[in-house]
Amino acid sequence: MKFIIDRFDGKKNYQQTYTVEKKDIEALTLLGTLLFIKQHLDLTLNFTASCRMAICGACGVRVNGHSYLGCDTKMTELFEEYKDADTFQISPLANYTVLSDLVVDWEPAIENLRKIKPGLVAKDKFSEKEGCVQNQEEYDRIVKQWDCILCGVCASECNKLTADRSDYMEPFVFTQAWRVANDSRTKDPMIHVKPAVTNGLWNCVHCQECANRCPKHISAADDIAGLRALALRKGLNSGVGPAHAKSFYTDLVEDSGRLNEIRLALRTEGMSTALRAGTAITLMRAGKMNPLEVFGGHEIEGHKDLVKMIEAAHAANKE
């Protein structure tokens, strides 16, 4: 087996190939294979690891362009996923600054975590004697988010961060914000919601890669949706993101049930911005949009049932 590993010595990037016998690594994890290479072939290879039990989140790397938690990924699983492959390319997590070989800089992500204040500030009514008591339903609301180990896999897969990191935070940061904002014991969820909104909450592109690759099966996309809904309920409804969500809802419920691209652009961006962007004109030229739809379209089949479902969901949420 050949392992082509991306390396960085602080000045230049290069690749180095290591050859190992398959029988020596097929019973190992991905992290075990990296340790085997370091111990038997190259002591200078740098990567991070600690617990080896999928708890600390330190050993995330990419294999053939996809992110994995090293200690939680068996080589037999990779052999099955990449059948007949005799070469694997191992790279550092994407969307981070590389410090050395497979080691990345976590300080910017930690700074983003600080922004959303991930520590719980309990309600005043809880006494020191009784503590912060929760019932089972309240506990179940947040138990999944507590499984997040900050491994960074979701951020490595995030298409929004790949395109532009300047106005968005790592998906796991929003998961941590949702965990504490959705906690029944929290004194004020807006302590965590407001900084999430001002740091890119509405900029998620819904690619779902965070949910697809998370080793703990957490959907940061769902957590982002929860934060958005909470922000709207609390009155944080200005800006392009909330306007887009409202327009989408209007099309589904109050209009025909069909997404109206022209109205969506006008409601979200405004007349001048929509025309300046030229998106609608481009779509019309390509035959993807009928300009007459600005006046509305015919109601989709089953629209009344769709409205009933949405109203039922609203009622259940209020209960």
C-alpha atoms as a PDB file:
ATOM      1  CA  MET A   1       0.000   0.000   0.000  1.00  0.00           C
ATOM      2  CA  LYS A   2       1.160   3.529  -0.800  1.00  0.00           C
ATOM      3  CA  PHE A   3       0.292   6.531   1.346  1.00  0.00           C
ATOM      4  CA  ILE A   4       0.919   9.926  -0.226  1.00  0.00           C
ATOM      5  CA  ILE A   5       0.963  12.400   2.652  1.00  0.00           C
ATOM      6  CA  ASP A   6       0.771  16.171   2.231  1.00  0.00           C
ATOM      7  CA  ARG A   7       3.562  17.777   4.219  1.00  0.00           C
ATOM      8  CA  PHE A   8       4.539  21.298   5.229  1.00  0.00           C
ATOM      9  CA  ASP A   9       7.795  22.246   6.922  1.00  0.00           C
ATOM     10  CA  GLY A  10       6.871  25.826   7.738  1.00  0.00           C
ATOM     11  CA  LYS A  11       8.168  27.153   4.434  1.00  0.00           C
ATOM     12  CA  LYS A  12       7.194  24.845   1.594  1.00  0.00           C
ATOM     13  CA  ASN A  13       4.453  22.328   0.804  1.00  0.00           C
ATOM     14  CA  TYR A  14       5.385  18.965  -0.652  1.00  0.00           C
ATOM     15  CA  GLN A  15       4.168  15.370  -0.807  1.00  0.00           C
ATOM     16  CA  GLN A  16       5.930  12.306   0.499  1.00  0.00           C
ATOM     17  CA  THR A  17       5.093   8.708  -0.375  1.00  0.00           C
ATOM     18  CA  TYR A  18       5.329   5.865   2.141  1.00  0.00           C
ATOM     19  CA  THR A  19       4.999   2.193   1.191  1.00  0.00           C
ATOM     20  CA  VAL A  20       3.749  -0.360   3.730  1.00  0.00           C
ATOM     21  CA  GLU A  21       2.576  -3.960   3.606  1.00  0.00           C
ATOM     22  CA  LYS A  22      -1.193  -4.219   3.723  1.00  0.00           C
ATOM     23  CA  LYS A  23      -0.996  -7.032   6.263  1.00  0.00           C
ATOM     24  CA  ASP A  24       0.804  -4.710   8.682  1.00  0.00           C
ATOM     25  CA  ILE A  25      -2.013  -2.157   8.781  1.00  0.00           C
ATOM     26  CA  GLU A  26      -5.275  -3.886   7.845  1.00  0.00           C
ATOM     27  CA  ALA A  27      -6.136  -4.509  11.505  1.00  0.00           C
ATOM     28  CA  LEU A  28      -5.338  -0.896  12.466  1.00  0.00           C
ATOM     29  CA  THR A  29      -7.280   2.331  12.508  1.00  0.00           C
ATOM     30  CA  LEU A  30      -6.353   5.270  10.311  1.00  0.00           C
ATOM     31  CA  LEU A  31      -4.606   6.817  13.308  1.00  0.00           C
ATOM     32  CA  GLY A  32      -2.850   3.510  13.947  1.00  0.00           C
ATOM     33  CA  THR A  33      -1.564   3.582  10.382  1.00  0.00           C
ATOM     34  CA  LEU A  34      -0.173   7.086  10.832  1.00  0.00           C
ATOM     35  CA  LEU A  35       1.514   5.951  14.036  1.00  0.00           C
ATOM     36  CA  PHE A  36       2.924   2.909  12.192  1.00  0.00           C
ATOM     37  CA  ILE A  37       4.403   5.168   9.497  1.00  0.00           C
ATOM     38  CA  LYS A  38       5.877   7.509  12.095  1.00  0.00           C
ATOM     39  CA  GLN A  39       7.340   4.725  14.221  1.00  0.00           C
ATOM     40  CA  HIS A  40       8.716   2.551  11.403  1.00  0.00           C
ATOM     41  CA  LEU A  41       9.328   4.839   8.427  1.00  0.00           C
ATOM     42  CA  ASP A  42       9.616   8.526   9.340  1.00  0.00           C
ATOM     43  CA  LEU A  43       9.932   9.995  12.815  1.00  0.00           C
ATOM     44  CA  THR A  44       9.610  13.521  11.405  1.00  0.00           C
ATOM     45  CA  LEU A  45       5.970  13.093  10.331  1.00  0.00           C
ATOM     46  CA  ASN A  46       3.747  15.429  12.376  1.00  0.00           C
ATOM     47  CA  PHE A  47       0.072  14.938  13.267  1.00  0.00           C
ATOM     48  CA  THR A  48      -2.057  15.358  16.383  1.00  0.00           C
ATOM     49  CA  ALA A  49      -3.706  12.674  18.512  1.00  0.00           C
ATOM     50  CA  SER A  50      -4.458  12.024  22.148  1.00  0.00           C
ATOM     51  CA  CYS A  51      -7.206   9.766  23.526  1.00  0.00           C
ATOM     52  CA  ARG A  52      -7.546   7.194  20.693  1.00  0.00           C
ATOM     53  CA  MET A  53     -11.173   6.735  21.841  1.00  0.00           C
ATOM     54  CA  ALA A  54     -13.111   9.277  19.712  1.00  0.00           C
ATOM     55  CA  ILE A  55     -13.412  11.634  22.685  1.00  0.00           C
ATOM     56  CA  CYS A  56     -10.773  14.340  22.290  1.00  0.00           C
ATOM     57  CA  GLY A  57     -11.318  15.045  18.578  1.00  0.00           C
ATOM     58  CA  ALA A  58      -7.628  15.714  17.925  1.00  0.00           C
ATOM     59  CA  CYS A  59      -6.905  13.251  15.112  1.00  0.00           C
ATOM     60  CA  GLY A  60      -9.036  14.527  12.235  1.00  0.00           C
ATOM     61  CA  VAL A  61      -7.436  14.267   8.770  1.00  0.00           C
ATOM     62  CA  ARG A  62      -8.566  13.911   5.173  1.00  0.00           C
ATOM     63  CA  VAL A  63      -8.244  10.755   3.095  1.00  0.00           C
ATOM     64  CA  ASN A  64      -8.723  11.092  -0.663  1.00  0.00           C
ATOM     65  CA  GLY A  65     -10.370  14.482  -0.129  1.00  0.00           C
ATOM     66  CA  HIS A  66     -12.845  13.463   2.602  1.00  0.00           C
ATOM     67  CA  SER A  67     -12.516  14.112   6.333  1.00  0.00           C
ATOM     68  CA  TYR A  68     -12.316  11.377   8.957  1.00  0.00           C
ATOM     69  CA  LEU A  69     -11.617  11.029  12.651  1.00  0.00           C
ATOM     70  CA  GLY A  70      -8.436   8.971  12.615  1.00  0.00           C
ATOM     71  CA  CYS A  71      -8.983   6.860  15.730  1.00  0.00           C
ATOM     72  CA  ASP A  72     -12.615   6.132  14.826  1.00  0.00           C
ATOM     73  CA  THR A  73     -11.938   4.990  11.267  1.00  0.00           C
ATOM     74  CA  LYS A  74     -10.800   1.418  10.623  1.00  0.00           C
ATOM     75  CA  MET A  75      -8.543   0.723   7.671  1.00  0.00           C
ATOM     76  CA  THR A  76     -10.908  -2.091   6.670  1.00  0.00           C
ATOM     77  CA  GLU A  77     -13.629   0.558   6.314  1.00  0.00           C
ATOM     78  CA  LEU A  78     -11.415   2.621   4.043  1.00  0.00           C
ATOM     79  CA  PHE A  79     -10.530  -0.469   2.006  1.00  0.00           C
ATOM     80  CA  GLU A  80     -14.240  -1.102   1.559  1.00  0.00           C
ATOM     81  CA  GLU A  81     -15.051   2.513   0.727  1.00  0.00           C
ATOM     82  CA  TYR A  82     -12.215   2.799  -1.792  1.00  0.00           C
ATOM     83  CA  LYS A  83     -12.326  -0.689  -3.272  1.00  0.00           C
ATOM     84  CA  ASP A  84      -9.279  -1.915  -5.177  1.00  0.00           C
ATOM     85  CA  ALA A  85      -7.327   1.196  -4.209  1.00  0.00           C
ATOM     86  CA  ASP A  86      -3.664   0.606  -3.438  1.00  0.00           C
ATOM     87  CA  THR A  87      -2.892   4.301  -2.871  1.00  0.00           C
ATOM     88  CA  PHE A  88      -4.349   6.723  -0.347  1.00  0.00           C
ATOM     89  CA  GLN A  89      -3.682  10.447  -0.145  1.00  0.00           C
ATOM     90  CA  ILE A  90      -3.709  11.822   3.402  1.00  0.00           C
ATOM     91  CA  SER A  91      -4.038  15.576   3.922  1.00  0.00           C
ATOM     92  CA  PRO A  92      -4.625  17.971   6.811  1.00  0.00           C
ATOM     93  CA  LEU A  93      -8.172  19.132   7.496  1.00  0.00           C
ATOM     94  CA  ALA A  94      -9.371  21.671   4.958  1.00  0.00           C
ATOM     95  CA  ASN A  95     -10.387  25.259   5.772  1.00  0.00           C
ATOM     96  CA  TYR A  96      -7.709  25.579   8.458  1.00  0.00           C
ATOM     97  CA  THR A  97      -4.224  27.071   8.318  1.00  0.00           C
ATOM     98  CA  VAL A  98      -1.617  24.311   8.258  1.00  0.00           C
ATOM     99  CA  LEU A  99       1.165  24.612  10.827  1.00  0.00           C
ATOM    100  CA  SER A 100       3.146  21.455  10.101  1.00  0.00           C
ATOM    101  CA  ASP A 101       2.302  18.411   7.960  1.00  0.00           C
ATOM    102  CA  LEU A 102      -1.134  17.274   9.219  1.00  0.00           C
ATOM    103  CA  VAL A 103      -1.222  19.746  12.127  1.00  0.00           C
ATOM    104  CA  VAL A 104      -3.578  22.731  11.737  1.00  0.00           C
ATOM    105  CA  ASP A 105      -4.059  25.979  13.631  1.00  0.00           C
ATOM    106  CA  TRP A 106      -7.092  25.827  15.927  1.00  0.00           C
ATOM    107  CA  GLU A 107      -6.800  29.276  17.484  1.00  0.00           C
ATOM    108  CA  PRO A 108      -9.190  31.035  15.021  1.00  0.00           C
ATOM    109  CA  ALA A 109     -11.839  28.394  15.706  1.00  0.00           C
ATOM    110  CA  ILE A 110     -11.347  28.783  19.446  1.00  0.00           C
ATOM    111  CA  GLU A 111     -11.811  32.538  19.051  1.00  0.00           C
ATOM    112  CA  ASN A 112     -15.097  31.866  17.248  1.00  0.00           C
ATOM    113  CA  LEU A 113     -16.196  29.601  20.090  1.00  0.00           C
ATOM    114  CA  ARG A 114     -15.492  32.415  22.521  1.00  0.00           C
ATOM    115  CA  LYS A 115     -17.756  34.708  20.495  1.00  0.00           C
ATOM    116  CA  ILE A 116     -20.884  32.613  21.119  1.00  0.00           C
ATOM    117  CA  LYS A 117     -20.104  32.168  24.853  1.00  0.00           C
ATOM    118  CA  PRO A 118     -20.513  28.365  25.036  1.00  0.00           C
ATOM    119  CA  GLY A 119     -20.604  28.259  28.841  1.00  0.00           C
ATOM    120  CA  LEU A 120     -24.010  27.922  30.500  1.00  0.00           C
ATOM    121  CA  VAL A 121     -25.261  30.882  32.537  1.00  0.00           C
ATOM    122  CA  ALA A 122     -28.054  29.375  34.626  1.00  0.00           C
ATOM    123  CA  LYS A 123     -31.367  30.997  35.466  1.00  0.00           C
ATOM    124  CA  ASP A 124     -31.450  32.928  38.720  1.00  0.00           C
ATOM    125  CA  LYS A 125     -34.284  30.819  40.096  1.00  0.00           C
ATOM    126  CA  PHE A 126     -32.035  27.764  40.519  1.00  0.00           C
ATOM    127  CA  SER A 127     -30.710  27.463  44.036  1.00  0.00           C
ATOM    128  CA  GLU A 128     -27.264  26.208  44.957  1.00  0.00           C
ATOM    129  CA  LYS A 129     -28.925  23.460  46.981  1.00  0.00           C
ATOM    130  CA  GLU A 130     -31.190  22.075  44.261  1.00  0.00           C
ATOM    131  CA  GLY A 131     -28.978  22.794  41.268  1.00  0.00           C
ATOM    132  CA  CYS A 132     -30.269  23.037  37.698  1.00  0.00           C
ATOM    133  CA  VAL A 133     -32.814  20.249  37.477  1.00  0.00           C
ATOM    134  CA  GLN A 134     -34.080  19.093  34.079  1.00  0.00           C
ATOM    135  CA  ASN A 135     -36.805  16.660  33.120  1.00  0.00           C
ATOM    136  CA  GLN A 136     -36.183  13.973  30.503  1.00  0.00           C
ATOM    137  CA  GLU A 137     -37.698  15.967  27.645  1.00  0.00           C
ATOM    138  CA  GLU A 138     -35.520  18.988  28.400  1.00  0.00           C
ATOM    139  CA  TYR A 139     -32.450  16.770  28.599  1.00  0.00           C
ATOM    140  CA  ASP A 140     -33.257  15.049  25.309  1.00  0.00           C
ATOM    141  CA  ARG A 141     -33.383  18.427  23.531  1.00  0.00           C
ATOM    142  CA  ILE A 142     -29.651  18.971  23.953  1.00  0.00           C
ATOM    143  CA  VAL A 143     -28.095  15.565  24.579  1.00  0.00           C
ATOM    144  CA  LYS A 144     -27.025  15.078  20.954  1.00  0.00           C
ATOM    145  CA  GLN A 145     -25.190  18.395  20.789  1.00  0.00           C
ATOM    146  CA  TRP A 146     -23.234  17.445  23.909  1.00  0.00           C
ATOM    147  CA  ASP A 147     -21.672  14.636  21.840  1.00  0.00           C
ATOM    148  CA  CYS A 148     -19.753  17.191  19.741  1.00  0.00           C
ATOM    149  CA  ILE A 149     -16.032  16.640  20.355  1.00  0.00           C
ATOM    150  CA  LEU A 150     -14.767  19.661  18.363  1.00  0.00           C
ATOM    151  CA  CYS A 151     -12.894  17.452  15.914  1.00  0.00           C
ATOM    152  CA  GLY A 152     -13.293  19.973  13.086  1.00  0.00           C
ATOM    153  CA  VAL A 153     -14.464  17.458  10.490  1.00  0.00           C
ATOM    154  CA  CYS A 154     -17.617  19.473   9.784  1.00  0.00           C
ATOM    155  CA  ALA A 155     -15.574  22.622   9.165  1.00  0.00           C
ATOM    156  CA  SER A 156     -13.209  20.729   6.879  1.00  0.00           C
ATOM    157  CA  GLU A 157     -16.157  19.632   4.716  1.00  0.00           C
ATOM    158  CA  CYS A 158     -18.025  22.967   4.803  1.00  0.00           C
ATOM    159  CA  ASN A 159     -18.521  24.397   1.304  1.00  0.00           C
ATOM    160  CA  LYS A 160     -19.252  27.863   2.675  1.00  0.00           C
ATOM    161  CA  LEU A 161     -15.918  28.003   4.498  1.00  0.00           C
ATOM    162  CA  THR A 162     -14.166  26.737   1.378  1.00  0.00           C
ATOM    163  CA  ALA A 163     -15.686  29.567  -0.670  1.00  0.00           C
ATOM    164  CA  ASP A 164     -15.269  32.355   1.899  1.00  0.00           C
ATOM    165  CA  ARG A 165     -14.191  32.167   5.532  1.00  0.00           C
ATOM    166  CA  SER A 166     -14.454  35.908   6.159  1.00  0.00           C
ATOM    167  CA  ASP A 167     -18.146  36.021   7.153  1.00  0.00           C
ATOM    168  CA  TYR A 168     -18.858  32.585   8.605  1.00  0.00           C
ATOM    169  CA  MET A 169     -17.860  30.417  11.545  1.00  0.00           C
ATOM    170  CA  GLU A 170     -17.169  26.699  11.780  1.00  0.00           C
ATOM    171  CA  PRO A 171     -20.390  24.605  11.834  1.00  0.00           C
ATOM    172  CA  PHE A 172     -19.528  23.115  15.229  1.00  0.00           C
ATOM    173  CA  VAL A 173     -19.507  26.649  16.678  1.00  0.00           C
ATOM    174  CA  PHE A 174     -23.183  26.991  15.766  1.00  0.00           C
ATOM    175  CA  THR A 175     -23.837  23.541  17.265  1.00  0.00           C
ATOM    176  CA  GLN A 176     -22.335  24.720  20.540  1.00  0.00           C
ATOM    177  CA  ALA A 177     -24.407  27.914  20.405  1.00  0.00           C
ATOM    178  CA  TRP A 178     -27.598  25.917  19.823  1.00  0.00           C
ATOM    179  CA  ARG A 179     -26.729  23.489  22.607  1.00  0.00           C
ATOM    180  CA  VAL A 180     -26.571  26.201  25.251  1.00  0.00           C
ATOM    181  CA  ALA A 181     -29.291  28.474  23.789  1.00  0.00           C
ATOM    182  CA  ASN A 182     -31.724  25.529  23.652  1.00  0.00           C
ATOM    183  CA  ASP A 183     -30.909  24.430  27.201  1.00  0.00           C
ATOM    184  CA  SER A 184     -33.887  24.826  29.564  1.00  0.00           C
ATOM    185  CA  ARG A 185     -31.515  25.959  32.303  1.00  0.00           C
ATOM    186  CA  THR A 186     -30.038  28.904  30.429  1.00  0.00           C
ATOM    187  CA  LYS A 187     -30.695  32.374  31.767  1.00  0.00           C
ATOM    188  CA  ASP A 188     -30.929  34.082  28.379  1.00  0.00           C
ATOM    189  CA  PRO A 189     -30.615  32.258  25.035  1.00  0.00           C
ATOM    190  CA  MET A 190     -29.927  35.550  23.273  1.00  0.00           C
ATOM    191  CA  ILE A 191     -26.485  35.650  24.895  1.00  0.00           C
ATOM    192  CA  HIS A 192     -25.581  32.952  22.372  1.00  0.00           C
ATOM    193  CA  VAL A 193     -28.038  33.642  19.537  1.00  0.00           C
ATOM    194  CA  LYS A 194     -27.055  37.264  18.890  1.00  0.00           C
ATOM    195  CA  PRO A 195     -23.337  36.608  18.281  1.00  0.00           C
ATOM    196  CA  ALA A 196     -24.293  33.651  16.079  1.00  0.00           C
ATOM    197  CA  VAL A 197     -26.463  35.966  13.955  1.00  0.00           C
ATOM    198  CA  THR A 198     -23.784  38.649  13.671  1.00  0.00           C
ATOM    199  CA  ASN A 199     -21.142  36.085  12.738  1.00  0.00           C
ATOM    200  CA  GLY A 200     -22.746  34.403   9.756  1.00  0.00           C
ATOM    201  CA  LEU A 201     -25.702  32.347  10.972  1.00  0.00           C
ATOM    202  CA  TRP A 202     -27.696  33.146   7.822  1.00  0.00           C
ATOM    203  CA  ASN A 203     -24.775  32.428   5.482  1.00  0.00           C
ATOM    204  CA  CYS A 204     -24.972  28.630   5.611  1.00  0.00           C
ATOM    205  CA  VAL A 205     -25.394  27.284   2.046  1.00  0.00           C
ATOM    206  CA  HIS A 206     -27.286  24.109   3.111  1.00  0.00           C
ATOM    207  CA  CYS A 207     -24.812  21.706   1.504  1.00  0.00           C
ATOM    208  CA  GLN A 208     -25.359  19.239   4.407  1.00  0.00           C
ATOM    209  CA  GLU A 209     -21.717  18.113   4.287  1.00  0.00           C
ATOM    210  CA  CYS A 210     -21.376  18.831   8.020  1.00  0.00           C
ATOM    211  CA  ALA A 211     -24.156  16.330   8.721  1.00  0.00           C
ATOM    212  CA  ASN A 212     -22.861  13.782   6.210  1.00  0.00           C
ATOM    213  CA  ARG A 213     -19.342  13.544   7.622  1.00  0.00           C
ATOM    214  CA  CYS A 214     -19.745  14.123  11.385  1.00  0.00           C
ATOM    215  CA  PRO A 215     -18.299  11.097  13.234  1.00  0.00           C
ATOM    216  CA  LYS A 216     -20.878  11.634  16.000  1.00  0.00           C
ATOM    217  CA  HIS A 217     -23.798  11.909  13.543  1.00  0.00           C
ATOM    218  CA  ILE A 218     -24.663  15.451  14.599  1.00  0.00           C
ATOM    219  CA  SER A 219     -26.303  17.723  12.060  1.00  0.00           C
ATOM    220  CA  ALA A 220     -24.867  21.210  12.437  1.00  0.00           C
ATOM    221  CA  ALA A 221     -27.239  22.173   9.608  1.00  0.00           C
ATOM    222  CA  ASP A 222     -30.201  21.294  11.836  1.00  0.00           C
ATOM    223  CA  ASP A 223     -28.655  23.231  14.712  1.00  0.00           C
ATOM    224  CA  ILE A 224     -28.241  26.254  12.450  1.00  0.00           C
ATOM    225  CA  ALA A 225     -31.909  25.956  11.461  1.00  0.00           C
ATOM    226  CA  GLY A 226     -32.857  25.850  15.147  1.00  0.00           C
ATOM    227  CA  LEU A 227     -30.824  28.971  15.890  1.00  0.00           C
ATOM    228  CA  ARG A 228     -32.418  30.779  12.967  1.00  0.00           C
ATOM    229  CA  ALA A 229     -35.942  29.903  14.125  1.00  0.00           C
ATOM    230  CA  LEU A 230     -35.127  31.041  17.658  1.00  0.00           C
ATOM    231  CA  ALA A 231     -33.624  34.293  16.365  1.00  0.00           C
ATOM    232  CA  LEU A 232     -36.789  35.037  14.381  1.00  0.00           C
ATOM    233  CA  ARG A 233     -39.013  34.280  17.372  1.00  0.00           C
ATOM    234  CA  LYS A 234     -36.935  36.690  19.449  1.00  0.00           C
ATOM    235  CA  GLY A 235     -37.335  39.481  16.917  1.00  0.00           C
ATOM    236  CA  LEU A 236     -33.987  39.300  15.112  1.00  0.00           C
ATOM    237  CA  ASN A 237     -35.675  39.448  11.728  1.00  0.00           C
ATOM    238  CA  SER A 238     -33.821  42.123   9.750  1.00  0.00           C
ATOM    239  CA  GLY A 239     -31.410  41.458   6.916  1.00  0.00           C
ATOM    240  CA  VAL A 240     -31.226  39.361   3.769  1.00  0.00           C
ATOM    241  CA  GLY A 241     -31.275  35.989   5.559  1.00  0.00           C
ATOM    242  CA  PRO A 242     -34.557  36.476   7.459  1.00  0.00           C
ATOM    243  CA  ALA A 243     -36.092  38.131   4.388  1.00  0.00           C
ATOM    244  CA  HIS A 244     -35.198  35.082   2.301  1.00  0.00           C
ATOM    245  CA  ALA A 245     -36.717  32.725   4.874  1.00  0.00           C
ATOM    246  CA  LYS A 246     -39.909  34.788   5.097  1.00  0.00           C
ATOM    247  CA  SER A 247     -40.256  34.884   1.306  1.00  0.00           C
ATOM    248  CA  PHE A 248     -39.763  31.146   1.078  1.00  0.00           C
ATOM    249  CA  TYR A 249     -42.440  30.625   3.740  1.00  0.00           C
ATOM    250  CA  THR A 250     -44.816  33.019   1.997  1.00  0.00           C
ATOM    251  CA  ASP A 251     -44.500  31.124  -1.290  1.00  0.00           C
ATOM    252  CA  LEU A 252     -45.136  27.783   0.399  1.00  0.00           C
ATOM    253  CA  VAL A 253     -48.015  28.747   2.668  1.00  0.00           C
ATOM    254  CA  GLU A 254     -49.680  31.990   1.665  1.00  0.00           C
ATOM    255  CA  ASP A 255     -49.277  31.784  -2.113  1.00  0.00           C
ATOM    256  CA  SER A 256     -49.368  28.788  -4.435  1.00  0.00           C
ATOM    257  CA  GLY A 257     -47.018  26.388  -2.653  1.00  0.00           C
ATOM    258  CA  ARG A 258     -44.537  26.759  -5.506  1.00  0.00           C
ATOM    259  CA  LEU A 259     -41.226  28.575  -5.072  1.00  0.00           C
ATOM    260  CA  ASN A 260     -41.406  31.814  -7.069  1.00  0.00           C
ATOM    261  CA  GLU A 261     -37.809  32.679  -7.956  1.00  0.00           C
ATOM    262  CA  ILE A 262     -38.594  36.199  -9.174  1.00  0.00           C
ATOM    263  CA  ARG A 263     -40.544  37.150  -6.070  1.00  0.00           C
ATOM    264  CA  LEU A 264     -37.924  35.483  -3.895  1.00  0.00           C
ATOM    265  CA  ALA A 265     -35.177  37.694  -5.345  1.00  0.00           C
ATOM    266  CA  LEU A 266     -37.275  40.849  -5.110  1.00  0.00           C
ATOM    267  CA  ARG A 267     -38.388  40.177  -1.526  1.00  0.00           C
ATOM    268  CA  THR A 268     -34.903  39.184  -0.405  1.00  0.00           C
ATOM    269  CA  GLU A 269     -32.620  41.630  -2.187  1.00  0.00           C
ATOM    270  CA  GLY A 270     -35.006  44.409  -3.204  1.00  0.00           C
ATOM    271  CA  MET A 271     -35.708  45.654  -6.722  1.00  0.00           C
ATOM    272  CA  SER A 272     -32.443  47.516  -7.338  1.00  0.00           C
ATOM    273  CA  THR A 273     -30.161  44.793  -5.981  1.00  0.00           C
ATOM    274  CA  ALA A 274     -31.983  41.987  -7.781  1.00  0.00           C
ATOM    275  CA  LEU A 275     -31.789  43.772 -11.123  1.00  0.00           C
ATOM    276  CA  ARG A 276     -28.169  44.788 -10.576  1.00  0.00           C
ATOM    277  CA  ALA A 277     -27.205  41.205  -9.778  1.00  0.00           C
ATOM    278  CA  GLY A 278     -28.726  40.091 -13.071  1.00  0.00           C
ATOM    279  CA  THR A 279     -29.582  36.640 -11.732  1.00  0.00           C
ATOM    280  CA  ALA A 280     -33.234  36.844 -12.768  1.00  0.00           C
ATOM    281  CA  ILE A 281     -32.326  38.041 -16.278  1.00  0.00           C
ATOM    282  CA  THR A 282     -29.819  35.226 -16.688  1.00  0.00           C
ATOM    283  CA  LEU A 283     -32.410  32.656 -15.602  1.00  0.00           C
ATOM    284  CA  MET A 284     -35.018  34.066 -17.962  1.00  0.00           C
ATOM    285  CA  ARG A 285     -32.610  33.953 -20.909  1.00  0.00           C
ATOM    286  CA  ALA A 286     -31.871  30.322 -20.120  1.00  0.00           C
ATOM    287  CA  GLY A 287     -35.570  29.488 -20.041  1.00  0.00           C
ATOM    288  CA  LYS A 288     -35.415  28.658 -16.333  1.00  0.00           C
ATOM    289  CA  MET A 289     -37.832  31.376 -15.248  1.00  0.00           C
ATOM    290  CA  ASN A 290     -41.080  32.789 -16.608  1.00  0.00           C
ATOM    291  CA  PRO A 291     -41.294  36.574 -16.022  1.00  0.00           C
ATOM    292  CA  LEU A 292     -45.086  36.312 -15.805  1.00  0.00           C
ATOM    293  CA  GLU A 293     -44.606  34.356 -12.567  1.00  0.00           C
ATOM    294  CA  VAL A 294     -44.025  37.666 -10.816  1.00  0.00           C
ATOM    295  CA  PHE A 295     -47.837  37.891 -10.775  1.00  0.00           C
ATOM    296  CA  GLY A 296     -48.140  34.438  -9.225  1.00  0.00           C
ATOM    297  CA  GLY A 297     -48.598  30.884 -10.486  1.00  0.00           C
ATOM    298  CA  HIS A 298     -51.114  28.113 -10.283  1.00  0.00           C
ATOM    299  CA  GLU A 299     -51.526  26.356  -6.947  1.00  0.00           C
ATOM    300  CA  ILE A 300     -49.673  23.060  -6.624  1.00  0.00           C
ATOM    301  CA  GLU A 301     -51.560  19.835  -6.073  1.00  0.00           C
ATOM    302  CA  GLY A 302     -51.972  19.115  -2.366  1.00  0.00           C
ATOM    303  CA  HIS A 303     -51.262  22.695  -1.296  1.00  0.00           C
ATOM    304  CA  LYS A 304     -54.046  22.702   1.291  1.00  0.00           C
ATOM    305  CA  ASP A 305     -52.603  19.559   2.871  1.00  0.00           C
ATOM    306  CA  LEU A 306     -49.159  21.185   2.936  1.00  0.00           C
ATOM    307  CA  VAL A 307     -50.579  24.204   4.764  1.00  0.00           C
ATOM    308  CA  LYS A 308     -52.291  21.917   7.295  1.00  0.00           C
ATOM    309  CA  MET A 309     -49.006  20.125   7.975  1.00  0.00           C
ATOM    310  CA  ILE A 310     -47.142  23.391   8.522  1.00  0.00           C
ATOM    311  CA  GLU A 311     -49.894  24.734  10.794  1.00  0.00           C
ATOM    312  CA  ALA A 312     -49.822  21.484  12.797  1.00  0.00           C
ATOM    313  CA  ALA A 313     -46.053  21.827  13.194  1.00  0.00           C
ATOM    314  CA  HIS A 314     -46.499  25.397  14.445  1.00  0.00           C
ATOM    315  CA  ALA A 315     -49.135  24.267  16.959  1.00  0.00           C
ATOM    316  CA  ALA A 316     -46.947  21.420  18.225  1.00  0.00           C
ATOM    317  CA  ASN A 317     -44.009  23.781  18.636  1.00  0.00           C
ATOM    318  CA  LYS A 318     -46.090  26.193  20.719  1.00  0.00           C
ATOM    319  CA  GLU A 319     -47.222  23.348  22.967  1.00  0.00           C
END
